[in-house]
N, C-alpha and C. Protein backbone atom coordinates (compact mmCIF):
# COMPACT_ATOMS: atom_id res chain seq x y z
N MET A 1 20.81 -20.82 -12.84
CA MET A 1 19.76 -21.58 -12.18
C MET A 1 18.44 -20.82 -12.30
N GLU A 2 17.43 -21.53 -12.75
CA GLU A 2 16.11 -20.92 -12.87
C GLU A 2 15.42 -20.92 -11.51
N ARG A 3 14.86 -19.78 -11.15
CA ARG A 3 14.19 -19.66 -9.86
C ARG A 3 12.76 -20.15 -9.94
N LYS A 4 12.32 -20.82 -8.87
CA LYS A 4 10.93 -21.27 -8.79
C LYS A 4 10.05 -20.04 -8.62
N ARG A 5 8.96 -19.99 -9.34
CA ARG A 5 8.04 -18.86 -9.29
C ARG A 5 6.84 -19.22 -8.43
N VAL A 6 6.59 -18.42 -7.42
CA VAL A 6 5.43 -18.60 -6.54
C VAL A 6 4.54 -17.37 -6.72
N GLU A 7 3.32 -17.58 -7.19
CA GLU A 7 2.41 -16.45 -7.43
C GLU A 7 1.47 -16.24 -6.25
N ILE A 8 1.35 -14.98 -5.86
CA ILE A 8 0.38 -14.55 -4.86
C ILE A 8 -0.63 -13.70 -5.62
N GLU A 9 -1.83 -14.21 -5.76
CA GLU A 9 -2.89 -13.55 -6.55
C GLU A 9 -3.54 -12.45 -5.72
N ILE A 10 -3.67 -11.27 -6.30
CA ILE A 10 -4.28 -10.12 -5.63
C ILE A 10 -5.57 -9.76 -6.37
N SER A 11 -6.65 -9.62 -5.62
CA SER A 11 -7.91 -9.19 -6.23
C SER A 11 -8.65 -8.25 -5.28
N ARG A 12 -9.53 -7.48 -5.86
CA ARG A 12 -10.34 -6.56 -5.08
C ARG A 12 -11.35 -7.35 -4.24
N HIS A 13 -11.55 -6.94 -3.00
CA HIS A 13 -12.55 -7.59 -2.15
C HIS A 13 -13.93 -7.25 -2.70
N ARG A 14 -14.78 -8.24 -2.83
CA ARG A 14 -16.10 -8.03 -3.45
C ARG A 14 -17.05 -7.20 -2.59
N GLU A 15 -16.88 -7.23 -1.28
CA GLU A 15 -17.84 -6.57 -0.40
C GLU A 15 -17.28 -5.38 0.38
N LYS A 16 -15.97 -5.17 0.35
CA LYS A 16 -15.36 -4.10 1.12
C LYS A 16 -14.57 -3.17 0.21
N PRO A 17 -15.12 -1.99 -0.09
CA PRO A 17 -14.41 -1.04 -0.95
C PRO A 17 -13.05 -0.66 -0.34
N GLY A 18 -12.05 -0.50 -1.19
CA GLY A 18 -10.73 -0.09 -0.73
C GLY A 18 -9.95 -1.21 -0.05
N THR A 19 -10.44 -2.44 -0.18
CA THR A 19 -9.80 -3.59 0.44
C THR A 19 -9.50 -4.64 -0.63
N TYR A 20 -8.38 -5.32 -0.47
CA TYR A 20 -7.95 -6.35 -1.40
C TYR A 20 -7.76 -7.67 -0.66
N VAL A 21 -7.68 -8.74 -1.44
CA VAL A 21 -7.42 -10.07 -0.89
C VAL A 21 -6.23 -10.66 -1.63
N ALA A 22 -5.26 -11.16 -0.88
CA ALA A 22 -4.12 -11.87 -1.45
C ALA A 22 -4.34 -13.35 -1.20
N ARG A 23 -4.12 -14.17 -2.23
CA ARG A 23 -4.33 -15.62 -2.10
C ARG A 23 -3.13 -16.38 -2.63
N TYR A 24 -2.78 -17.43 -1.91
CA TYR A 24 -1.76 -18.36 -2.37
C TYR A 24 -2.36 -19.74 -2.34
N ARG A 25 -2.32 -20.43 -3.47
CA ARG A 25 -2.85 -21.78 -3.57
C ARG A 25 -1.69 -22.77 -3.47
N SER A 26 -1.73 -23.65 -2.47
CA SER A 26 -0.70 -24.66 -2.30
C SER A 26 -1.10 -25.92 -3.07
N PRO A 27 -0.39 -26.22 -4.16
CA PRO A 27 -0.75 -27.40 -4.93
C PRO A 27 -0.49 -28.70 -4.16
N VAL A 28 0.48 -28.70 -3.29
CA VAL A 28 0.81 -29.90 -2.53
C VAL A 28 -0.26 -30.21 -1.49
N LEU A 29 -0.68 -29.19 -0.75
CA LEU A 29 -1.64 -29.38 0.32
C LEU A 29 -3.10 -29.28 -0.15
N GLY A 30 -3.31 -28.70 -1.32
CA GLY A 30 -4.68 -28.49 -1.78
C GLY A 30 -5.38 -27.43 -0.95
N ALA A 31 -4.61 -26.51 -0.37
CA ALA A 31 -5.16 -25.48 0.50
C ALA A 31 -4.96 -24.10 -0.12
N VAL A 32 -5.78 -23.15 0.33
CA VAL A 32 -5.64 -21.76 -0.09
C VAL A 32 -5.40 -20.93 1.16
N TYR A 33 -4.32 -20.16 1.16
CA TYR A 33 -4.00 -19.24 2.24
C TYR A 33 -4.33 -17.84 1.74
N SER A 34 -4.90 -17.00 2.62
CA SER A 34 -5.27 -15.66 2.17
C SER A 34 -5.16 -14.64 3.30
N VAL A 35 -5.12 -13.38 2.88
CA VAL A 35 -5.13 -12.26 3.82
C VAL A 35 -5.89 -11.12 3.16
N GLU A 36 -6.70 -10.43 3.95
CA GLU A 36 -7.36 -9.20 3.49
C GLU A 36 -6.51 -8.03 3.95
N PHE A 37 -6.41 -7.00 3.10
CA PHE A 37 -5.61 -5.84 3.49
C PHE A 37 -6.16 -4.58 2.83
N PRO A 38 -6.07 -3.43 3.53
CA PRO A 38 -6.55 -2.18 2.95
C PRO A 38 -5.56 -1.64 1.93
N ASP A 39 -6.03 -0.80 1.05
CA ASP A 39 -5.19 -0.15 0.05
C ASP A 39 -4.50 1.04 0.73
N SER A 40 -3.45 0.74 1.49
CA SER A 40 -2.74 1.77 2.26
C SER A 40 -1.35 1.26 2.60
N VAL A 41 -0.58 2.09 3.26
CA VAL A 41 0.76 1.68 3.69
C VAL A 41 0.66 0.51 4.67
N THR A 42 -0.29 0.55 5.59
CA THR A 42 -0.43 -0.56 6.53
C THR A 42 -0.86 -1.83 5.79
N GLY A 43 -1.62 -1.67 4.72
CA GLY A 43 -1.98 -2.82 3.90
C GLY A 43 -0.76 -3.43 3.22
N ALA A 44 0.15 -2.56 2.77
CA ALA A 44 1.40 -3.04 2.16
C ALA A 44 2.22 -3.83 3.18
N VAL A 45 2.23 -3.35 4.42
CA VAL A 45 2.95 -4.07 5.48
C VAL A 45 2.30 -5.43 5.73
N ALA A 46 0.97 -5.47 5.78
CA ALA A 46 0.26 -6.74 5.99
C ALA A 46 0.55 -7.71 4.85
N LEU A 47 0.56 -7.22 3.61
CA LEU A 47 0.85 -8.06 2.46
C LEU A 47 2.29 -8.57 2.52
N HIS A 48 3.20 -7.71 2.92
CA HIS A 48 4.60 -8.10 3.07
C HIS A 48 4.73 -9.23 4.11
N HIS A 49 4.06 -9.08 5.25
CA HIS A 49 4.12 -10.11 6.29
C HIS A 49 3.51 -11.43 5.82
N PHE A 50 2.46 -11.36 5.03
CA PHE A 50 1.84 -12.56 4.46
C PHE A 50 2.86 -13.29 3.58
N ALA A 51 3.53 -12.54 2.72
CA ALA A 51 4.54 -13.15 1.85
C ALA A 51 5.71 -13.70 2.66
N GLU A 52 6.08 -13.01 3.72
CA GLU A 52 7.15 -13.50 4.60
C GLU A 52 6.75 -14.83 5.24
N MET A 53 5.49 -14.95 5.64
CA MET A 53 5.00 -16.19 6.21
C MET A 53 5.12 -17.32 5.18
N LEU A 54 4.71 -17.07 3.95
CA LEU A 54 4.81 -18.08 2.90
C LEU A 54 6.27 -18.43 2.62
N LYS A 55 7.12 -17.45 2.69
CA LYS A 55 8.54 -17.64 2.40
C LYS A 55 9.16 -18.67 3.34
N THR A 56 8.65 -18.81 4.55
CA THR A 56 9.22 -19.77 5.50
C THR A 56 9.00 -21.22 5.05
N ARG A 57 8.13 -21.44 4.09
CA ARG A 57 7.84 -22.79 3.61
C ARG A 57 8.75 -23.20 2.46
N TYR A 58 9.64 -22.32 2.02
CA TYR A 58 10.53 -22.59 0.90
C TYR A 58 11.98 -22.52 1.36
N PRO A 59 12.89 -23.25 0.68
CA PRO A 59 14.30 -23.22 1.07
C PRO A 59 14.87 -21.81 1.03
N ALA A 60 15.82 -21.55 1.91
CA ALA A 60 16.43 -20.22 2.02
C ALA A 60 17.60 -20.05 1.05
N ASP A 61 17.62 -20.81 -0.03
CA ASP A 61 18.74 -20.76 -0.97
C ASP A 61 18.58 -19.70 -2.06
N GLY A 62 17.51 -18.92 -1.98
CA GLY A 62 17.28 -17.87 -2.97
C GLY A 62 16.74 -18.38 -4.29
N ALA A 63 16.34 -19.65 -4.34
CA ALA A 63 15.87 -20.24 -5.59
C ALA A 63 14.38 -19.98 -5.84
N THR A 64 13.73 -19.27 -4.94
CA THR A 64 12.29 -19.00 -5.07
C THR A 64 12.06 -17.51 -5.25
N ARG A 65 11.22 -17.17 -6.23
CA ARG A 65 10.85 -15.77 -6.46
C ARG A 65 9.35 -15.65 -6.26
N PHE A 66 8.94 -14.78 -5.35
CA PHE A 66 7.52 -14.53 -5.10
C PHE A 66 7.07 -13.39 -5.99
N VAL A 67 5.91 -13.58 -6.63
CA VAL A 67 5.39 -12.58 -7.56
C VAL A 67 3.96 -12.24 -7.16
N PHE A 68 3.70 -10.96 -6.92
CA PHE A 68 2.33 -10.48 -6.68
C PHE A 68 1.69 -10.28 -8.05
N VAL A 69 0.59 -10.98 -8.32
CA VAL A 69 -0.09 -10.89 -9.61
C VAL A 69 -1.47 -10.30 -9.38
N SER A 70 -1.75 -9.19 -10.07
CA SER A 70 -3.02 -8.50 -9.88
C SER A 70 -3.67 -8.18 -11.22
N THR A 71 -4.98 -8.25 -11.27
CA THR A 71 -5.72 -7.82 -12.44
C THR A 71 -6.29 -6.42 -12.22
N ASP A 72 -5.98 -5.83 -11.07
CA ASP A 72 -6.53 -4.53 -10.70
C ASP A 72 -5.41 -3.48 -10.66
N ALA A 73 -5.42 -2.57 -11.60
CA ALA A 73 -4.39 -1.54 -11.67
C ALA A 73 -4.37 -0.64 -10.44
N LYS A 74 -5.49 -0.49 -9.74
CA LYS A 74 -5.55 0.38 -8.56
C LYS A 74 -4.68 -0.15 -7.42
N ALA A 75 -4.42 -1.44 -7.40
CA ALA A 75 -3.64 -2.04 -6.31
C ALA A 75 -2.13 -1.85 -6.53
N THR A 76 -1.73 -1.25 -7.63
CA THR A 76 -0.32 -1.17 -8.00
C THR A 76 0.56 -0.51 -6.94
N ASP A 77 0.15 0.61 -6.36
CA ASP A 77 0.98 1.29 -5.37
C ASP A 77 1.20 0.43 -4.13
N THR A 78 0.16 -0.21 -3.65
CA THR A 78 0.28 -1.07 -2.47
C THR A 78 1.18 -2.25 -2.78
N LEU A 79 1.03 -2.85 -3.94
CA LEU A 79 1.88 -3.98 -4.33
C LEU A 79 3.33 -3.55 -4.46
N ARG A 80 3.56 -2.40 -5.07
CA ARG A 80 4.92 -1.89 -5.22
C ARG A 80 5.57 -1.67 -3.86
N ASP A 81 4.80 -1.08 -2.92
CA ASP A 81 5.33 -0.84 -1.58
C ASP A 81 5.65 -2.15 -0.86
N ALA A 82 4.78 -3.14 -0.99
CA ALA A 82 5.02 -4.44 -0.34
C ALA A 82 6.23 -5.13 -0.95
N ALA A 83 6.35 -5.10 -2.26
CA ALA A 83 7.48 -5.74 -2.93
C ALA A 83 8.79 -5.04 -2.58
N ALA A 84 8.75 -3.73 -2.38
CA ALA A 84 9.95 -2.97 -2.07
C ALA A 84 10.50 -3.28 -0.68
N MET A 85 9.68 -3.86 0.18
CA MET A 85 10.12 -4.20 1.53
C MET A 85 11.06 -5.40 1.55
N GLY A 86 11.12 -6.15 0.46
CA GLY A 86 12.00 -7.31 0.41
C GLY A 86 12.56 -7.48 -0.98
N THR A 87 13.71 -8.09 -1.10
CA THR A 87 14.32 -8.30 -2.40
C THR A 87 13.81 -9.58 -3.05
N TRP A 88 12.94 -10.30 -2.39
CA TRP A 88 12.46 -11.61 -2.83
C TRP A 88 11.20 -11.55 -3.66
N ALA A 89 10.60 -10.38 -3.83
CA ALA A 89 9.29 -10.30 -4.48
C ALA A 89 9.30 -9.28 -5.62
N SER A 90 8.37 -9.47 -6.53
CA SER A 90 8.16 -8.51 -7.59
C SER A 90 6.66 -8.46 -7.85
N GLN A 91 6.24 -7.56 -8.72
CA GLN A 91 4.81 -7.44 -9.02
C GLN A 91 4.57 -7.51 -10.50
N GLU A 92 3.40 -7.99 -10.88
CA GLU A 92 2.98 -8.04 -12.27
C GLU A 92 1.53 -7.63 -12.33
N HIS A 93 1.17 -7.04 -13.45
CA HIS A 93 -0.23 -6.67 -13.67
C HIS A 93 -0.70 -7.40 -14.91
N LYS A 94 -1.79 -8.13 -14.79
CA LYS A 94 -2.33 -8.86 -15.96
C LYS A 94 -3.47 -8.09 -16.58
């Protein structure tokens, strides 16, 4: 069974150094959900909780895979830490 892929886009905050923004675009609702988080362990926890919140909107059958997608290599440690908190997520760098 192929798993549904849900991308959470990560980008550097334009006005706050050392801060990132995670965004999820809901195609059904036409809405964008986001969270700002620092590049730190507490930021990884915040990102993890954001993904957990999104996870509640999908079936619990394990058919959904959440992927943190970032164009910023500096965010890699925080993304890795957030993904490691759950078996449901992975990270990619574009």
